[in-house]
Amino acid sequence: MDKATCFLTGRYLARDLPYYRGLARGCFKVAVDGGYRFFLRSGMVPDLLIGDFDSLKRLPKKLSARTKVLTYPVNKDKTDTELAVDQCIERGAKSIDIVEPSIGEPDHFLANLFLLTRRCVSLEPKAPKMRLVGPAYEAFFLQDSGIRFSGARGSIVSIIPVSDRIRLTCRGTAFDISGVRISRGETRPARNRIMAARADFQIVGQAFVVRLVSRR
């Protein structure tokens, strides 16, 4: 398995279904608890349905024979999302999209955001690339590496330092900088706008990169 997509609990609006279908196409598809509602709306079939089902309330009566179900107790040490990511890693996924339609409950969103740090070399060097994504945003965790956005002119990109200090270089943005040192807690690297057909961000240290997608 090269790529997996995990759909979390949230509101899956009809206007966004083509976008979600594009994320799921050709992937190992995981319905995480209430994320199964996306599959009901889209007509797609998940490969895995996982969770304690406190959001979905009860298991669907009719499931495709293609769908494997893993049920967990409500009182457990990991969230349904982390359990889903574990399953994808066990199946050899090289990249994982965690689909969260909106921020929803802040604690869950933050916990899901920090799941991205599992790729940190000091924690789990063989972890796949991961992205937290919704129709209006995408978030990444970078450690001593870079990221390029193409065809994203007008998008807002914020860099959020995780380590005590980072060194940041930006090209193709409203505020181009080279090797600027930024401490954790500073807001200087927030809300930079992509001004070119291609924008590059290079980070020494650890940081979240969040791109806001313009909805027109």
Protein backbone atom coordinates (compact mmCIF):
# COMPACT_ATOMS: atom_id res chain seq x y z
CA MET A 1 0.00 0.00 0.00
CA ASP A 2 1.48 3.34 -1.03
CA LYS A 3 -1.14 5.77 0.26
CA ALA A 4 -3.93 5.75 2.83
CA THR A 5 -6.67 8.28 3.51
CA CYS A 6 -8.43 8.42 6.88
CA PHE A 7 -11.78 10.20 7.05
CA LEU A 8 -12.59 11.56 10.51
CA THR A 9 -15.88 12.63 12.07
CA GLY A 10 -17.13 15.93 10.67
CA ARG A 11 -19.56 17.64 8.32
CA TYR A 12 -19.00 16.48 4.75
CA LEU A 13 -20.77 19.09 2.65
CA ALA A 14 -22.20 18.13 -0.73
CA ARG A 15 -20.17 20.86 -2.48
CA ASP A 16 -16.95 19.29 -1.20
CA LEU A 17 -17.66 15.67 -2.18
CA PRO A 18 -15.66 15.88 -5.46
CA TYR A 19 -12.66 17.12 -3.46
CA TYR A 20 -12.95 14.26 -0.95
CA ARG A 21 -13.40 11.68 -3.71
CA GLY A 22 -10.18 12.96 -5.25
CA LEU A 23 -8.35 12.43 -1.96
CA ALA A 24 -9.69 8.89 -1.66
CA ARG A 25 -9.08 7.79 -5.24
CA GLY A 26 -6.55 4.97 -5.48
CA CYS A 27 -5.95 4.92 -1.71
CA PHE A 28 -6.52 2.54 1.17
CA LYS A 29 -9.68 4.16 2.54
CA VAL A 30 -10.35 4.30 6.28
CA ALA A 31 -13.60 5.40 7.93
CA VAL A 32 -12.75 6.57 11.45
CA ASP A 33 -15.92 6.29 13.56
CA GLY A 34 -18.28 9.07 12.38
CA GLY A 35 -16.14 9.51 9.27
CA TYR A 36 -18.21 6.66 7.86
CA ARG A 37 -20.84 9.30 7.04
CA PHE A 38 -18.61 10.49 4.21
CA PHE A 39 -18.84 7.07 2.63
CA LEU A 40 -22.61 7.03 3.04
CA ARG A 41 -22.85 10.41 1.28
CA SER A 42 -20.34 9.66 -1.46
CA GLY A 43 -21.32 6.08 -2.26
CA MET A 44 -17.72 4.96 -1.83
CA VAL A 45 -16.76 1.88 0.16
CA PRO A 46 -14.14 2.01 2.95
CA ASP A 47 -11.50 -0.70 3.20
CA LEU A 48 -11.49 -0.30 6.99
CA LEU A 49 -14.04 0.97 9.52
CA ILE A 50 -12.46 1.61 12.91
CA GLY A 51 -13.34 3.22 16.23
CA ASP A 52 -15.27 3.03 19.46
CA PHE A 53 -18.34 4.34 17.60
CA ASP A 54 -19.30 6.96 20.12
CA SER A 55 -19.82 9.35 17.18
CA LEU A 56 -21.42 6.91 14.78
CA LYS A 57 -23.50 5.53 17.71
CA ARG A 58 -23.85 2.07 16.19
CA LEU A 59 -22.38 -0.05 13.45
CA PRO A 60 -24.13 0.05 10.07
CA LYS A 61 -26.40 -2.95 9.52
CA LYS A 62 -25.22 -3.48 5.97
CA LEU A 63 -21.55 -3.33 5.17
CA SER A 64 -19.67 -4.33 2.05
CA ALA A 65 -17.75 -7.59 2.32
CA ARG A 66 -14.72 -5.47 1.34
CA THR A 67 -14.88 -3.51 4.60
CA LYS A 68 -12.95 -4.80 7.59
CA VAL A 69 -14.30 -3.61 10.97
CA LEU A 70 -12.18 -3.02 14.07
CA THR A 71 -14.09 -2.08 17.25
CA TYR A 72 -12.47 -0.61 20.37
CA PRO A 73 -13.82 0.31 23.82
CA VAL A 74 -14.62 3.94 24.57
CA ASN A 75 -12.14 3.90 27.50
CA LYS A 76 -8.76 3.39 25.83
CA ASP A 77 -5.27 4.89 25.71
CA LYS A 78 -5.38 6.13 22.09
CA THR A 79 -7.82 8.14 20.04
CA ASP A 80 -9.64 6.52 17.15
CA THR A 81 -7.50 8.61 14.80
CA GLU A 82 -4.22 7.33 16.22
CA LEU A 83 -5.51 3.76 16.05
CA ALA A 84 -6.39 4.33 12.40
CA VAL A 85 -2.91 5.73 11.68
CA ASP A 86 -1.38 2.70 13.45
CA GLN A 87 -3.35 0.38 11.18
CA CYS A 88 -2.19 2.23 8.07
CA ILE A 89 1.44 2.08 9.20
CA GLU A 90 1.13 -1.65 9.94
CA ARG A 91 -0.15 -2.12 6.39
CA GLY A 92 2.91 -0.37 4.98
CA ALA A 93 1.46 3.01 3.97
CA LYS A 94 4.14 5.40 2.73
CA SER A 95 1.89 8.44 3.02
CA ILE A 96 -1.27 9.13 5.01
CA ASP A 97 -3.85 11.88 4.61
CA ILE A 98 -5.87 12.54 7.77
CA VAL A 99 -9.06 14.21 6.58
CA GLU A 100 -10.69 16.51 9.13
CA PRO A 101 -13.33 18.68 7.40
CA SER A 102 -13.09 21.48 9.98
CA ILE A 103 -11.31 22.21 13.25
CA GLY A 104 -14.26 20.96 15.34
CA GLU A 105 -13.25 20.22 18.93
CA PRO A 106 -9.97 22.10 19.54
CA ASP A 107 -8.38 19.36 21.68
CA HIS A 108 -9.00 16.70 19.04
CA PHE A 109 -7.71 18.97 16.28
CA LEU A 110 -4.49 19.72 18.20
CA ALA A 111 -4.00 16.04 19.04
CA ASN A 112 -4.42 15.16 15.35
CA LEU A 113 -2.02 17.94 14.34
CA PHE A 114 0.66 16.56 16.64
CA LEU A 115 0.16 13.08 15.21
CA LEU A 116 2.07 14.47 12.23
CA THR A 117 5.20 14.68 14.38
CA ARG A 118 5.48 10.88 14.35
CA ARG A 119 7.65 11.37 11.27
CA CYS A 120 10.19 13.17 13.45
CA VAL A 121 13.47 11.23 13.16
CA SER A 122 13.97 11.09 16.90
CA LEU A 123 10.55 9.50 17.44
CA GLU A 124 9.76 7.20 14.56
CA PRO A 125 12.18 7.34 11.62
CA LYS A 126 10.22 4.92 9.43
CA ALA A 127 6.86 6.64 9.83
CA PRO A 128 5.15 7.64 6.59
CA LYS A 129 4.65 11.16 5.34
CA MET A 130 1.47 12.55 6.88
CA ARG A 131 -0.81 15.48 6.22
CA LEU A 132 -3.82 16.83 8.10
CA VAL A 133 -6.20 18.18 5.49
CA GLY A 134 -9.64 19.62 4.82
CA PRO A 135 -11.26 21.55 1.97
CA ALA A 136 -9.95 24.87 3.32
CA TYR A 137 -6.49 23.90 4.64
CA GLU A 138 -3.60 21.47 4.68
CA ALA A 139 -1.02 21.05 7.45
CA PHE A 140 2.39 19.39 7.49
CA PHE A 141 5.17 18.81 10.02
CA LEU A 142 8.70 19.43 8.80
CA GLN A 143 12.02 18.67 10.41
CA ASP A 144 15.19 19.96 8.70
CA SER A 145 13.53 19.85 5.32
CA GLY A 146 11.50 21.87 2.86
CA ILE A 147 8.23 21.97 1.01
CA ARG A 148 7.19 23.40 -2.35
CA PHE A 149 3.73 24.61 -3.31
CA SER A 150 2.94 24.87 -7.03
CA GLY A 151 -0.14 26.50 -8.52
CA ALA A 152 -1.12 27.96 -5.15
CA ARG A 153 -0.77 31.68 -5.87
CA GLY A 154 -2.78 33.73 -3.37
CA SER A 155 -2.75 31.08 -0.65
CA ILE A 156 -1.82 32.02 2.90
CA VAL A 157 0.98 29.98 4.50
CA SER A 158 1.88 30.08 8.19
CA ILE A 159 4.99 28.55 9.75
CA ILE A 160 4.59 27.58 13.41
CA PRO A 161 7.88 26.71 15.15
CA VAL A 162 7.83 23.57 17.29
CA SER A 163 11.49 23.42 18.32
CA ASP A 164 12.94 26.20 20.49
CA ARG A 165 14.25 27.97 17.42
CA ILE A 166 14.10 27.45 13.67
CA ARG A 167 15.91 28.90 10.67
CA LEU A 168 13.46 29.78 7.90
CA THR A 169 13.85 30.56 4.21
CA CYS A 170 10.88 31.54 2.01
CA ARG A 171 10.87 32.14 -1.74
CA GLY A 172 7.96 33.13 -3.98
CA THR A 173 6.05 34.80 -1.16
CA ALA A 174 5.05 38.32 -0.18
CA PHE A 175 7.83 38.29 2.42
CA ASP A 176 10.85 36.46 1.04
CA ILE A 177 13.50 35.75 3.68
CA SER A 178 16.70 33.75 3.88
CA GLY A 179 17.92 31.88 6.94
CA VAL A 180 16.04 34.04 9.44
CA ARG A 181 16.11 32.70 13.00
CA ILE A 182 12.69 32.53 14.66
CA SER A 183 11.95 31.38 18.20
CA ARG A 184 9.00 29.25 19.26
CA GLY A 185 6.07 31.48 20.16
CA GLU A 186 6.94 34.21 17.65
CA THR A 187 4.24 35.06 15.10
CA ARG A 188 6.52 36.63 12.47
CA PRO A 189 6.27 33.65 10.08
CA ALA A 190 2.45 33.57 10.19
CA ARG A 191 0.17 34.70 7.35
CA ASN A 192 2.68 34.91 4.49
CA ARG A 193 1.06 34.97 1.04
CA ILE A 194 2.22 32.99 -1.99
CA MET A 195 2.84 35.45 -4.84
CA ALA A 196 4.40 33.23 -7.50
CA ALA A 197 3.47 30.11 -9.45
CA ARG A 198 5.89 28.23 -7.22
CA ALA A 199 6.78 28.90 -3.59
CA ASP A 200 9.49 27.20 -1.53
CA PHE A 201 9.83 26.98 2.23
CA GLN A 202 12.97 25.58 3.86
CA ILE A 203 13.16 24.90 7.59
CA VAL A 204 16.08 24.00 9.83
CA GLY A 205 14.51 22.72 13.02
CA GLN A 206 10.94 21.55 13.56
CA ALA A 207 7.81 23.41 12.53
CA PHE A 208 4.25 23.02 11.33
CA VAL A 209 3.45 24.39 7.90
CA VAL A 210 -0.22 25.32 7.42
CA ARG A 211 -1.58 26.43 4.05
CA LEU A 212 -5.02 27.99 3.87
CA VAL A 213 -6.87 27.28 0.63
CA SER A 214 -8.88 30.12 -0.87
CA ARG A 215 -12.55 29.14 -1.34
CA ARG A 216 -14.27 31.01 -4.16
